[in-house]
N, C-alpha and C. Protein backbone atom coordinates (compact mmCIF):
# COMPACT_ATOMS: atom_id res chain seq x y z
N UNK A 1 51.60 65.48 -0.23
CA UNK A 1 52.38 66.69 -0.23
C UNK A 1 52.20 67.40 -1.58
N UNK A 2 52.05 68.71 -1.55
CA UNK A 2 51.86 69.46 -2.79
C UNK A 2 53.20 69.78 -3.43
N UNK A 3 53.14 70.22 -4.68
CA UNK A 3 54.36 70.60 -5.39
C UNK A 3 55.08 71.73 -4.64
N UNK A 4 54.30 72.67 -4.10
CA UNK A 4 54.92 73.76 -3.33
C UNK A 4 55.62 73.23 -2.09
N UNK A 5 54.99 72.31 -1.42
CA UNK A 5 55.61 71.73 -0.21
C UNK A 5 56.88 70.97 -0.56
N UNK A 6 56.85 70.23 -1.66
CA UNK A 6 58.05 69.51 -2.11
C UNK A 6 59.19 70.48 -2.41
N UNK A 7 58.86 71.55 -3.13
CA UNK A 7 59.89 72.55 -3.45
C UNK A 7 60.42 73.21 -2.18
N UNK A 8 59.53 73.53 -1.26
CA UNK A 8 59.94 74.16 -0.01
C UNK A 8 60.87 73.24 0.78
N UNK A 9 60.56 71.96 0.79
CA UNK A 9 61.41 70.99 1.49
C UNK A 9 62.80 70.93 0.82
N UNK A 10 62.83 70.88 -0.50
CA UNK A 10 64.10 70.85 -1.23
C UNK A 10 64.90 72.13 -0.99
N UNK A 11 64.21 73.27 -1.00
CA UNK A 11 64.88 74.56 -0.75
C UNK A 11 65.48 74.59 0.65
N UNK A 12 64.74 74.08 1.62
CA UNK A 12 65.22 74.08 3.00
C UNK A 12 66.47 73.20 3.13
N UNK A 13 66.48 72.05 2.48
CA UNK A 13 67.65 71.18 2.52
C UNK A 13 68.86 71.87 1.89
N UNK A 14 68.64 72.51 0.75
CA UNK A 14 69.74 73.23 0.09
C UNK A 14 70.24 74.38 0.96
N UNK A 15 69.34 75.09 1.61
CA UNK A 15 69.73 76.20 2.48
C UNK A 15 70.59 75.72 3.63
N UNK A 16 70.30 74.54 4.15
CA UNK A 16 71.12 73.96 5.22
C UNK A 16 72.54 73.69 4.71
N UNK A 17 72.62 73.13 3.51
CA UNK A 17 73.94 72.86 2.92
C UNK A 17 74.68 74.15 2.60
N UNK A 18 73.97 75.14 2.09
CA UNK A 18 74.59 76.43 1.77
C UNK A 18 75.08 77.12 3.04
N UNK A 19 74.31 77.01 4.11
CA UNK A 19 74.69 77.63 5.39
C UNK A 19 76.03 77.09 5.88
N UNK A 20 76.30 75.82 5.62
CA UNK A 20 77.58 75.22 6.02
C UNK A 20 78.74 75.96 5.34
N UNK A 21 78.61 76.24 4.05
CA UNK A 21 79.64 76.98 3.33
C UNK A 21 79.74 78.42 3.83
N UNK A 22 78.59 79.03 4.07
CA UNK A 22 78.57 80.42 4.54
C UNK A 22 79.30 80.56 5.87
N UNK A 23 79.06 79.63 6.77
CA UNK A 23 79.71 79.68 8.07
C UNK A 23 81.20 79.39 7.96
N UNK A 24 81.57 78.46 7.09
CA UNK A 24 82.98 78.11 6.91
C UNK A 24 83.78 79.27 6.32
N UNK A 25 83.21 79.96 5.33
CA UNK A 25 83.96 81.00 4.62
C UNK A 25 83.57 82.42 5.01
N UNK A 26 82.53 82.57 5.82
CA UNK A 26 82.18 83.87 6.36
C UNK A 26 81.52 84.84 5.39
N UNK A 27 80.90 84.33 4.34
CA UNK A 27 80.15 85.18 3.42
C UNK A 27 78.86 84.49 3.01
N UNK A 28 77.87 85.27 2.63
CA UNK A 28 76.59 84.73 2.18
C UNK A 28 76.75 84.11 0.80
N UNK A 29 75.94 83.14 0.52
CA UNK A 29 76.00 82.45 -0.77
C UNK A 29 75.73 83.39 -1.94
N UNK A 30 74.79 84.32 -1.76
CA UNK A 30 74.47 85.26 -2.83
C UNK A 30 75.68 86.13 -3.17
N UNK A 31 76.41 86.56 -2.16
CA UNK A 31 77.62 87.37 -2.39
C UNK A 31 78.71 86.54 -3.07
N UNK A 32 78.86 85.30 -2.63
CA UNK A 32 79.82 84.39 -3.26
C UNK A 32 79.47 84.19 -4.73
N UNK A 33 78.21 83.94 -5.00
CA UNK A 33 77.74 83.72 -6.37
C UNK A 33 78.03 84.94 -7.25
N UNK A 34 77.70 86.12 -6.75
CA UNK A 34 77.95 87.34 -7.53
C UNK A 34 79.44 87.53 -7.81
N UNK A 35 80.27 87.26 -6.82
CA UNK A 35 81.72 87.37 -7.00
C UNK A 35 82.22 86.36 -8.04
N UNK A 36 81.67 85.16 -8.00
CA UNK A 36 82.06 84.14 -8.99
C UNK A 36 81.65 84.57 -10.39
N UNK A 37 80.44 85.09 -10.52
CA UNK A 37 79.93 85.49 -11.83
C UNK A 37 80.72 86.68 -12.40
N UNK A 38 81.24 87.54 -11.53
CA UNK A 38 82.04 88.68 -11.99
C UNK A 38 83.48 88.27 -12.27
N UNK A 39 83.87 87.08 -11.85
CA UNK A 39 85.25 86.64 -12.03
C UNK A 39 86.19 87.14 -10.95
N UNK A 40 85.64 87.59 -9.84
CA UNK A 40 86.46 88.13 -8.75
C UNK A 40 87.27 87.08 -8.01
N UNK A 41 86.93 85.81 -8.18
CA UNK A 41 87.59 84.75 -7.40
C UNK A 41 88.53 83.89 -8.23
N UNK A 42 88.97 84.40 -9.37
CA UNK A 42 89.85 83.64 -10.25
C UNK A 42 91.14 83.20 -9.57
N UNK A 43 91.62 83.99 -8.62
CA UNK A 43 92.86 83.64 -7.92
C UNK A 43 92.76 82.31 -7.18
N UNK A 44 91.55 81.89 -6.85
CA UNK A 44 91.37 80.63 -6.14
C UNK A 44 91.34 79.42 -7.08
N UNK A 45 91.26 79.66 -8.41
CA UNK A 45 91.21 78.57 -9.38
C UNK A 45 92.45 77.69 -9.31
N UNK A 46 93.57 78.29 -8.98
CA UNK A 46 94.83 77.54 -8.94
C UNK A 46 94.99 76.72 -7.66
N UNK A 47 94.15 76.96 -6.70
CA UNK A 47 94.25 76.26 -5.42
C UNK A 47 93.33 75.05 -5.43
N UNK A 48 93.89 73.88 -5.63
CA UNK A 48 93.10 72.66 -5.73
C UNK A 48 92.19 72.42 -4.53
N UNK A 49 92.65 72.81 -3.34
CA UNK A 49 91.87 72.54 -2.14
C UNK A 49 90.57 73.34 -2.11
N UNK A 50 90.51 74.47 -2.81
CA UNK A 50 89.31 75.29 -2.83
C UNK A 50 88.50 75.14 -4.11
N UNK A 51 89.14 74.76 -5.19
CA UNK A 51 88.45 74.70 -6.48
C UNK A 51 87.22 73.82 -6.41
N UNK A 52 87.35 72.61 -5.94
CA UNK A 52 86.22 71.68 -5.89
C UNK A 52 85.17 72.14 -4.87
N UNK A 53 85.63 72.69 -3.76
CA UNK A 53 84.70 73.20 -2.74
C UNK A 53 83.87 74.34 -3.31
N UNK A 54 84.54 75.26 -4.01
CA UNK A 54 83.83 76.40 -4.58
C UNK A 54 82.90 75.96 -5.71
N UNK A 55 83.30 74.97 -6.48
CA UNK A 55 82.42 74.46 -7.55
C UNK A 55 81.18 73.81 -6.95
N UNK A 56 81.36 73.08 -5.86
CA UNK A 56 80.21 72.46 -5.18
C UNK A 56 79.27 73.54 -4.64
N UNK A 57 79.84 74.56 -4.01
CA UNK A 57 79.05 75.67 -3.46
C UNK A 57 78.29 76.37 -4.58
N UNK A 58 78.98 76.63 -5.67
CA UNK A 58 78.36 77.29 -6.82
C UNK A 58 77.21 76.45 -7.38
N UNK A 59 77.43 75.15 -7.52
CA UNK A 59 76.39 74.26 -8.06
C UNK A 59 75.17 74.22 -7.13
N UNK A 60 75.41 74.14 -5.83
CA UNK A 60 74.31 74.12 -4.87
C UNK A 60 73.51 75.42 -4.95
N UNK A 61 74.21 76.54 -5.06
CA UNK A 61 73.51 77.82 -5.11
C UNK A 61 72.73 77.97 -6.41
N UNK A 62 73.30 77.52 -7.51
CA UNK A 62 72.57 77.57 -8.79
C UNK A 62 71.32 76.71 -8.72
N UNK A 63 71.43 75.55 -8.09
CA UNK A 63 70.27 74.68 -7.91
C UNK A 63 69.23 75.38 -7.04
N UNK A 64 69.69 76.02 -5.96
CA UNK A 64 68.77 76.76 -5.10
C UNK A 64 68.06 77.86 -5.88
N UNK A 65 68.79 78.60 -6.69
CA UNK A 65 68.18 79.67 -7.50
C UNK A 65 67.10 79.11 -8.42
N UNK A 66 67.39 77.99 -9.05
CA UNK A 66 66.44 77.37 -9.97
C UNK A 66 65.18 76.92 -9.25
N UNK A 67 65.36 76.26 -8.11
CA UNK A 67 64.20 75.80 -7.34
C UNK A 67 63.41 76.96 -6.75
N UNK A 68 64.12 78.02 -6.33
CA UNK A 68 63.43 79.19 -5.79
C UNK A 68 62.60 79.86 -6.88
N UNK A 69 63.10 79.90 -8.09
CA UNK A 69 62.34 80.47 -9.21
C UNK A 69 61.08 79.64 -9.46
N UNK A 70 61.21 78.31 -9.43
CA UNK A 70 60.05 77.45 -9.62
C UNK A 70 59.04 77.64 -8.49
N UNK A 71 59.54 77.76 -7.26
CA UNK A 71 58.66 77.99 -6.12
C UNK A 71 57.89 79.29 -6.31
N UNK A 72 58.60 80.35 -6.69
CA UNK A 72 57.95 81.65 -6.89
C UNK A 72 56.88 81.57 -7.97
N UNK A 73 57.17 80.87 -9.05
CA UNK A 73 56.19 80.73 -10.13
C UNK A 73 54.94 80.01 -9.64
N UNK A 74 55.13 78.91 -8.93
CA UNK A 74 53.98 78.16 -8.40
C UNK A 74 53.22 78.96 -7.35
N UNK A 75 53.95 79.65 -6.50
CA UNK A 75 53.31 80.42 -5.43
C UNK A 75 52.45 81.55 -5.99
N UNK A 76 52.88 82.13 -7.09
CA UNK A 76 52.12 83.23 -7.68
C UNK A 76 50.87 82.75 -8.40
N UNK A 77 50.82 81.48 -8.74
CA UNK A 77 49.64 80.93 -9.40
C UNK A 77 48.50 80.72 -8.43
N UNK A 78 48.83 80.55 -7.15
CA UNK A 78 47.81 80.27 -6.15
C UNK A 78 47.98 81.26 -5.00
N UNK A 79 46.94 81.98 -4.64
CA UNK A 79 47.05 82.95 -3.54
C UNK A 79 47.56 82.30 -2.25
N UNK A 80 48.34 83.05 -1.50
CA UNK A 80 48.93 82.56 -0.26
C UNK A 80 47.85 82.08 0.71
N UNK A 81 46.74 82.79 0.79
CA UNK A 81 45.67 82.39 1.70
C UNK A 81 45.13 81.01 1.35
N UNK A 82 45.00 80.72 0.07
CA UNK A 82 44.52 79.41 -0.37
C UNK A 82 45.55 78.34 0.00
N UNK A 83 46.82 78.64 -0.19
CA UNK A 83 47.88 77.70 0.15
C UNK A 83 47.87 77.38 1.64
N UNK A 84 47.76 78.42 2.46
CA UNK A 84 47.73 78.22 3.92
C UNK A 84 46.52 77.38 4.32
N UNK A 85 45.38 77.69 3.76
CA UNK A 85 44.16 76.94 4.09
C UNK A 85 44.33 75.47 3.72
N UNK A 86 44.85 75.20 2.54
CA UNK A 86 45.07 73.82 2.10
C UNK A 86 46.03 73.09 3.03
N UNK A 87 47.12 73.76 3.38
CA UNK A 87 48.13 73.15 4.26
C UNK A 87 47.59 72.93 5.67
N UNK A 88 46.82 73.88 6.18
CA UNK A 88 46.24 73.72 7.51
C UNK A 88 45.22 72.59 7.55
N UNK A 89 44.43 72.48 6.49
CA UNK A 89 43.47 71.38 6.41
C UNK A 89 44.18 70.04 6.38
N UNK A 90 45.30 69.95 5.69
CA UNK A 90 46.08 68.71 5.63
C UNK A 90 46.66 68.36 6.98
N UNK A 91 47.10 69.37 7.71
CA UNK A 91 47.68 69.14 9.03
C UNK A 91 46.65 68.62 10.01
N UNK A 92 45.44 69.17 9.92
CA UNK A 92 44.38 68.81 10.88
C UNK A 92 43.52 67.64 10.42
N UNK A 93 43.84 67.09 9.29
CA UNK A 93 43.04 65.95 8.78
C UNK A 93 43.45 64.67 9.44
């Protein structure tokens, strides 16, 4: 497995976990993250039942952002056509 494939697998797993929060709370992770960064959700800090959940969601999204940035950096180093060819050859080998 290539570094890009490993990152893609990790991103997909994180997206599955993030989707659980999105469905539970009815907002996209990116919107939640932006609201957290602006301080719009301070009222929830006093609610113990949400504080840990929101911290977990925030940590997962920050991890996703970091891995997505690494994926983008690696993907730009190698043309998409070359990546597809390499992956297709591995599948058919």
